[in-house]
């Protein structure tokens, strides 16, 4: 069985395809546009690859198993969203809002998480190779079992983040991080 199409998914009496079309007009500043508000929507298992949801309101939406490859989500509010097992490879989430989001087992390699709010997000078992987490808020985030190979964590405050069992040998860490970790273990 394939992925669901946006025109077959309904939220608040409209198809997701119509909501995306109106959001595109909104984003371009054209008449008939409206910011996408998919708060609490069930968009699980959908094909949203390459969509532009910049600045969209996606709080508590269910994107489990959804294809969001190359999606544009800068500034989107994904607070509490379920992105478990979603495919987010090469998506742009610059300055996105994701506190409490579940990204466990997500395919999230190549993502721009630059200056994102990822507080209390769950990345357990996620593929996070080549991600940029510079300036991101990761306080309370769980990275247990995640693959952070070649990730950029420079300028990221890692206090309060759970990096238990994560191989950081190829990860670009914040200045002084290794010394701080050694002092804690001493």
Protein backbone atom coordinates (compact mmCIF):
# COMPACT_ATOMS: atom_id res chain seq x y z
CA UNK A 1 0.00 0.00 0.00
CA UNK A 2 1.39 3.39 -0.98
CA UNK A 3 1.39 6.74 0.74
CA UNK A 4 -1.82 8.74 1.05
CA UNK A 5 -2.25 11.74 -1.26
CA UNK A 6 -3.02 15.21 0.19
CA UNK A 7 -6.27 15.41 -1.81
CA UNK A 8 -7.57 12.27 -0.03
CA UNK A 9 -6.90 13.61 3.49
CA UNK A 10 -9.43 15.94 5.13
CA UNK A 11 -9.01 18.35 8.03
CA UNK A 12 -11.68 20.76 9.29
CA UNK A 13 -13.84 20.20 6.22
CA UNK A 14 -11.10 20.83 3.64
CA UNK A 15 -8.68 18.59 1.82
CA UNK A 16 -5.04 18.90 2.82
CA UNK A 17 -4.33 19.63 -0.87
CA UNK A 18 -6.62 22.71 -0.71
CA UNK A 19 -5.01 23.83 2.56
CA UNK A 20 -1.55 23.49 0.97
CA UNK A 21 -2.66 25.42 -2.12
CA UNK A 22 -4.04 28.28 0.00
CA UNK A 23 -0.83 28.27 2.06
CA UNK A 24 1.22 28.62 -1.12
CA UNK A 25 -0.81 31.70 -2.07
CA UNK A 26 -0.44 33.07 1.48
CA UNK A 27 3.31 32.53 1.38
CA UNK A 28 3.50 34.42 -1.94
CA UNK A 29 1.30 37.24 -0.59
CA UNK A 30 -1.44 36.59 -3.13
CA UNK A 31 -5.22 36.95 -2.79
CA UNK A 32 -7.06 33.89 -1.55
CA UNK A 33 -4.14 32.78 0.54
CA UNK A 34 -4.38 31.52 4.11
CA UNK A 35 -1.72 30.27 6.49
CA UNK A 36 -1.96 26.49 6.81
CA UNK A 37 -3.37 25.47 10.19
CA UNK A 38 -3.26 21.71 10.55
CA UNK A 39 -3.40 21.64 14.35
CA UNK A 40 -4.21 18.11 15.47
CA UNK A 41 -4.59 16.81 11.91
CA UNK A 42 -3.96 13.15 11.10
CA UNK A 43 -1.61 13.27 8.13
CA UNK A 44 0.07 9.96 8.92
CA UNK A 45 1.44 7.97 6.02
CA UNK A 46 1.03 10.85 3.55
CA UNK A 47 3.20 11.95 0.63
CA UNK A 48 4.19 15.55 1.40
CA UNK A 49 7.61 15.43 -0.23
CA UNK A 50 8.80 18.86 -1.35
CA UNK A 51 5.83 20.78 0.11
CA UNK A 52 6.22 24.34 1.34
CA UNK A 53 4.85 24.64 4.87
CA UNK A 54 7.03 27.59 5.88
CA UNK A 55 5.49 29.24 8.93
CA UNK A 56 2.58 26.77 9.05
CA UNK A 57 0.76 25.87 12.27
CA UNK A 58 1.16 22.11 12.72
CA UNK A 59 0.79 21.72 16.50
CA UNK A 60 0.03 18.19 17.71
CA UNK A 61 -0.40 16.96 14.12
CA UNK A 62 0.23 13.30 13.37
CA UNK A 63 2.87 12.91 10.65
CA UNK A 64 3.84 9.35 11.62
CA UNK A 65 5.39 7.59 8.63
CA UNK A 66 4.82 10.63 6.38
CA UNK A 67 7.20 11.43 3.52
CA UNK A 68 8.43 14.99 4.12
CA UNK A 69 11.68 14.72 2.13
CA UNK A 70 12.90 18.12 0.90
CA UNK A 71 9.92 19.84 2.58
CA UNK A 72 10.27 23.50 3.49
CA UNK A 73 9.30 23.98 7.14
CA UNK A 74 11.25 27.07 8.31
CA UNK A 75 9.46 28.75 11.18
CA UNK A 76 6.73 26.07 11.23
CA UNK A 77 5.13 25.34 14.63
CA UNK A 78 5.38 21.59 15.14
CA UNK A 79 4.95 21.71 18.93
CA UNK A 80 4.00 18.26 20.18
CA UNK A 81 3.80 16.84 16.65
CA UNK A 82 4.17 13.11 16.03
CA UNK A 83 6.92 12.66 13.43
CA UNK A 84 7.74 9.10 14.48
CA UNK A 85 9.24 7.16 11.56
CA UNK A 86 8.69 10.15 9.24
CA UNK A 87 11.09 10.65 6.33
CA UNK A 88 12.45 14.19 6.71
CA UNK A 89 15.69 13.78 4.77
CA UNK A 90 17.01 17.07 3.41
CA UNK A 91 14.06 19.06 4.78
CA UNK A 92 14.60 22.65 5.92
CA UNK A 93 13.45 23.20 9.50
CA UNK A 94 15.44 26.39 10.15
CA UNK A 95 13.98 28.17 13.20
CA UNK A 96 11.11 25.64 13.40
CA UNK A 97 9.32 25.20 16.72
CA UNK A 98 9.34 21.55 17.87
CA UNK A 99 9.15 21.39 21.69
CA UNK A 100 7.87 17.99 22.77
CA UNK A 101 7.82 16.64 19.20
CA UNK A 102 8.35 12.90 18.72
CA UNK A 103 10.95 12.23 16.02
CA UNK A 104 11.85 8.76 17.27
CA UNK A 105 13.11 6.47 14.51
CA UNK A 106 12.70 9.30 11.98
CA UNK A 107 14.89 9.50 8.88
CA UNK A 108 16.16 13.03 9.47
CA UNK A 109 19.59 13.13 7.83
CA UNK A 110 20.71 16.33 6.11
CA UNK A 111 18.26 18.58 8.00
CA UNK A 112 18.77 22.22 8.88
CA UNK A 113 17.70 22.45 12.55
CA UNK A 114 19.50 25.81 12.80
CA UNK A 115 18.12 27.86 15.74
CA UNK A 116 15.20 25.44 16.28
CA UNK A 117 13.38 24.93 19.55
CA UNK A 118 13.88 21.19 20.08
CA UNK A 119 13.34 21.27 23.84
CA UNK A 120 12.03 17.95 25.17
CA UNK A 121 11.94 16.48 21.64
CA UNK A 122 12.39 12.72 21.30
CA UNK A 123 15.05 11.65 18.77
CA UNK A 124 15.51 8.10 20.11
CA UNK A 125 16.76 5.82 17.34
CA UNK A 126 16.56 8.60 14.72
CA UNK A 127 18.93 8.90 11.77
CA UNK A 128 20.46 12.38 12.18
CA UNK A 129 23.55 12.18 10.00
CA UNK A 130 24.81 15.51 8.58
CA UNK A 131 22.27 17.62 10.50
CA UNK A 132 22.95 21.20 11.56
CA UNK A 133 21.90 21.86 15.16
CA UNK A 134 23.81 25.14 15.57
CA UNK A 135 22.04 27.46 17.96
CA UNK A 136 19.23 24.95 18.59
CA UNK A 137 17.57 24.59 22.00
CA UNK A 138 17.99 20.90 22.86
CA UNK A 139 17.27 21.16 26.60
CA UNK A 140 15.53 17.96 27.68
CA UNK A 141 15.86 16.38 24.21
CA UNK A 142 16.48 12.61 24.12
CA UNK A 143 19.02 11.38 21.55
CA UNK A 144 19.47 7.84 22.94
CA UNK A 145 20.42 5.47 20.12
CA UNK A 146 20.35 8.24 17.49
CA UNK A 147 22.92 8.40 14.71
CA UNK A 148 24.55 11.85 14.94
CA UNK A 149 27.42 11.08 12.56
CA UNK A 150 29.00 14.18 11.02
CA UNK A 151 26.38 16.37 12.74
CA UNK A 152 27.09 20.02 13.60
CA UNK A 153 26.50 20.84 17.26
CA UNK A 154 28.72 23.91 17.40
CA UNK A 155 27.11 26.85 19.21
CA UNK A 156 24.60 24.43 20.75
CA UNK A 157 24.03 24.30 24.52
CA UNK A 158 23.92 20.58 25.24
CA UNK A 159 23.19 20.90 28.96
CA UNK A 160 20.00 19.01 29.69
CA UNK A 161 20.19 16.89 26.51
CA UNK A 162 20.38 13.09 26.85
CA UNK A 163 23.18 11.82 24.58
CA UNK A 164 23.47 8.43 26.31
CA UNK A 165 25.08 5.83 24.07
CA UNK A 166 25.46 8.19 21.09
CA UNK A 167 28.68 7.90 19.05
CA UNK A 168 29.97 11.48 18.82
CA UNK A 169 33.36 10.63 17.29
CA UNK A 170 32.58 12.36 13.96
CA UNK A 171 30.27 15.05 15.39
CA UNK A 172 31.36 18.70 15.49
CA UNK A 173 30.91 19.49 19.17
CA UNK A 174 30.74 22.87 20.94
CA UNK A 175 34.05 24.38 22.07
CA UNK A 176 35.04 23.07 25.48
CA UNK A 177 32.50 20.23 25.37
CA UNK A 178 35.08 17.43 25.60
CA UNK A 179 36.76 19.07 28.58
CA UNK A 180 33.44 19.53 30.37
CA UNK A 181 32.51 15.88 29.79
CA UNK A 182 35.90 14.70 31.07
CA UNK A 183 35.56 16.85 34.20
CA UNK A 184 32.15 15.34 34.96
CA UNK A 185 33.57 11.82 34.65
CA UNK A 186 36.63 12.59 36.81
